[in-house]
Amino acid sequence: MDFAKSSELILNVLNSHGKLSQKEIANCIKIPERTIRYNLRQLIGKGLVRESLVWTDLRQKEFELGDSLCLSLC
């Protein structure tokens, strides 16, 4: 699959770190949160990334690799 460079970086960070928030992803790869947000929406739409609520703070979400991508990378 062809991805934007920022999408590849997001997938690599999630593969190496597991579940991360949008802010944690932005801090790891030094890309603006708006770009992270856009790319996460695209990756979620393709089923490559999965989002879940942070139960200790329901305003936040965590992101991790989707099942289909995890099987091919892990």
C-alpha atoms as a PDB file:
ATOM      1  CA  MET A   1       0.000   0.000   0.000  1.00  0.00           C
ATOM      2  CA  ASP A   2       1.132   3.547  -0.662  1.00  0.00           C
ATOM      3  CA  PHE A   3       0.964   5.876   2.319  1.00  0.00           C
ATOM      4  CA  ALA A   4       1.924   9.446   3.003  1.00  0.00           C
ATOM      5  CA  LYS A   5       5.232   9.723   4.842  1.00  0.00           C
ATOM      6  CA  SER A   6       3.428  10.918   7.996  1.00  0.00           C
ATOM      7  CA  SER A   7       1.101   7.897   7.900  1.00  0.00           C
ATOM      8  CA  GLU A   8       4.092   5.564   7.675  1.00  0.00           C
ATOM      9  CA  LEU A   9       5.675   7.297  10.659  1.00  0.00           C
ATOM     10  CA  ILE A  10       2.470   6.910  12.675  1.00  0.00           C
ATOM     11  CA  LEU A  11       2.251   3.208  11.843  1.00  0.00           C
ATOM     12  CA  ASN A  12       5.910   2.693  12.780  1.00  0.00           C
ATOM     13  CA  VAL A  13       5.479   4.474  16.119  1.00  0.00           C
ATOM     14  CA  LEU A  14       2.351   2.473  16.958  1.00  0.00           C
ATOM     15  CA  ASN A  15       4.115  -0.734  15.974  1.00  0.00           C
ATOM     16  CA  SER A  16       7.043  -0.024  18.277  1.00  0.00           C
ATOM     17  CA  HIS A  17       5.211   1.589  21.233  1.00  0.00           C
ATOM     18  CA  GLY A  18       1.744  -0.002  21.244  1.00  0.00           C
ATOM     19  CA  LYS A  19      -1.178   2.144  22.432  1.00  0.00           C
ATOM     20  CA  LEU A  20      -0.546   5.883  22.326  1.00  0.00           C
ATOM     21  CA  SER A  21      -2.615   9.045  22.481  1.00  0.00           C
ATOM     22  CA  GLN A  22      -2.621  11.550  19.650  1.00  0.00           C
ATOM     23  CA  LYS A  23      -0.407  13.874  21.679  1.00  0.00           C
ATOM     24  CA  GLU A  24       2.089  11.105  22.451  1.00  0.00           C
ATOM     25  CA  ILE A  25       2.300  10.225  18.756  1.00  0.00           C
ATOM     26  CA  ALA A  26       2.912  13.883  17.881  1.00  0.00           C
ATOM     27  CA  ASN A  27       5.668  14.121  20.502  1.00  0.00           C
ATOM     28  CA  CYS A  28       7.386  10.979  19.198  1.00  0.00           C
ATOM     29  CA  ILE A  29       7.553  11.989  15.554  1.00  0.00           C
ATOM     30  CA  LYS A  30       7.534  15.801  15.842  1.00  0.00           C
ATOM     31  CA  ILE A  31       4.587  16.349  13.497  1.00  0.00           C
ATOM     32  CA  PRO A  32       1.747  18.806  14.261  1.00  0.00           C
ATOM     33  CA  GLU A  33      -1.270  17.287  16.028  1.00  0.00           C
ATOM     34  CA  ARG A  34      -3.546  18.433  13.212  1.00  0.00           C
ATOM     35  CA  THR A  35      -1.561  16.327  10.731  1.00  0.00           C
ATOM     36  CA  ILE A  36      -1.648  13.392  13.154  1.00  0.00           C
ATOM     37  CA  ARG A  37      -5.425  13.766  13.530  1.00  0.00           C
ATOM     38  CA  TYR A  38      -5.963  13.796   9.737  1.00  0.00           C
ATOM     39  CA  ASN A  39      -3.754  10.762   9.155  1.00  0.00           C
ATOM     40  CA  LEU A  40      -5.324   8.817  12.024  1.00  0.00           C
ATOM     41  CA  ARG A  41      -8.791   9.364  10.497  1.00  0.00           C
ATOM     42  CA  GLN A  42      -7.499   8.008   7.177  1.00  0.00           C
ATOM     43  CA  LEU A  43      -5.829   5.001   8.806  1.00  0.00           C
ATOM     44  CA  ILE A  44      -8.888   4.212  10.943  1.00  0.00           C
ATOM     45  CA  GLY A  45     -11.067   4.373   7.832  1.00  0.00           C
ATOM     46  CA  LYS A  46      -8.836   1.776   6.161  1.00  0.00           C
ATOM     47  CA  GLY A  47      -8.918  -0.451   9.246  1.00  0.00           C
ATOM     48  CA  LEU A  48      -5.184  -0.130   9.838  1.00  0.00           C
ATOM     49  CA  VAL A  49      -5.510   1.675  13.177  1.00  0.00           C
ATOM     50  CA  ARG A  50      -7.989   1.112  15.977  1.00  0.00           C
ATOM     51  CA  GLU A  51      -9.058   3.732  18.530  1.00  0.00           C
ATOM     52  CA  SER A  52     -10.286   3.189  22.066  1.00  0.00           C
ATOM     53  CA  LEU A  53     -11.331   5.372  24.973  1.00  0.00           C
ATOM     54  CA  VAL A  54      -9.050   5.991  27.920  1.00  0.00           C
ATOM     55  CA  TRP A  55     -11.270   4.864  30.789  1.00  0.00           C
ATOM     56  CA  THR A  56      -9.540   7.067  33.351  1.00  0.00           C
ATOM     57  CA  ASP A  57     -10.243  10.162  31.193  1.00  0.00           C
ATOM     58  CA  LEU A  58     -13.108   9.691  28.750  1.00  0.00           C
ATOM     59  CA  ARG A  59     -12.131  12.846  26.856  1.00  0.00           C
ATOM     60  CA  GLN A  60      -9.029  11.113  25.509  1.00  0.00           C
ATOM     61  CA  LYS A  61      -8.538   8.312  23.021  1.00  0.00           C
ATOM     62  CA  GLU A  62      -5.705   5.872  22.485  1.00  0.00           C
ATOM     63  CA  PHE A  63      -4.673   4.452  19.151  1.00  0.00           C
ATOM     64  CA  GLU A  64      -3.101   1.108  18.258  1.00  0.00           C
ATOM     65  CA  LEU A  65      -2.528  -0.968  15.157  1.00  0.00           C
ATOM     66  CA  GLY A  66      -5.614  -2.630  13.744  1.00  0.00           C
ATOM     67  CA  ASP A  67      -5.859  -6.420  13.759  1.00  0.00           C
ATOM     68  CA  SER A  68      -5.196  -6.846  10.039  1.00  0.00           C
ATOM     69  CA  LEU A  69      -2.041  -4.748  10.092  1.00  0.00           C
ATOM     70  CA  CYS A  70      -0.805  -6.203  13.352  1.00  0.00           C
ATOM     71  CA  LEU A  71      -0.905  -9.693  11.854  1.00  0.00           C
ATOM     72  CA  SER A  72       1.286  -8.661   8.939  1.00  0.00           C
ATOM     73  CA  LEU A  73       3.790  -6.580  10.959  1.00  0.00           C
ATOM     74  CA  CYS A  74       3.988  -8.484  14.241  1.00  0.00           C
END
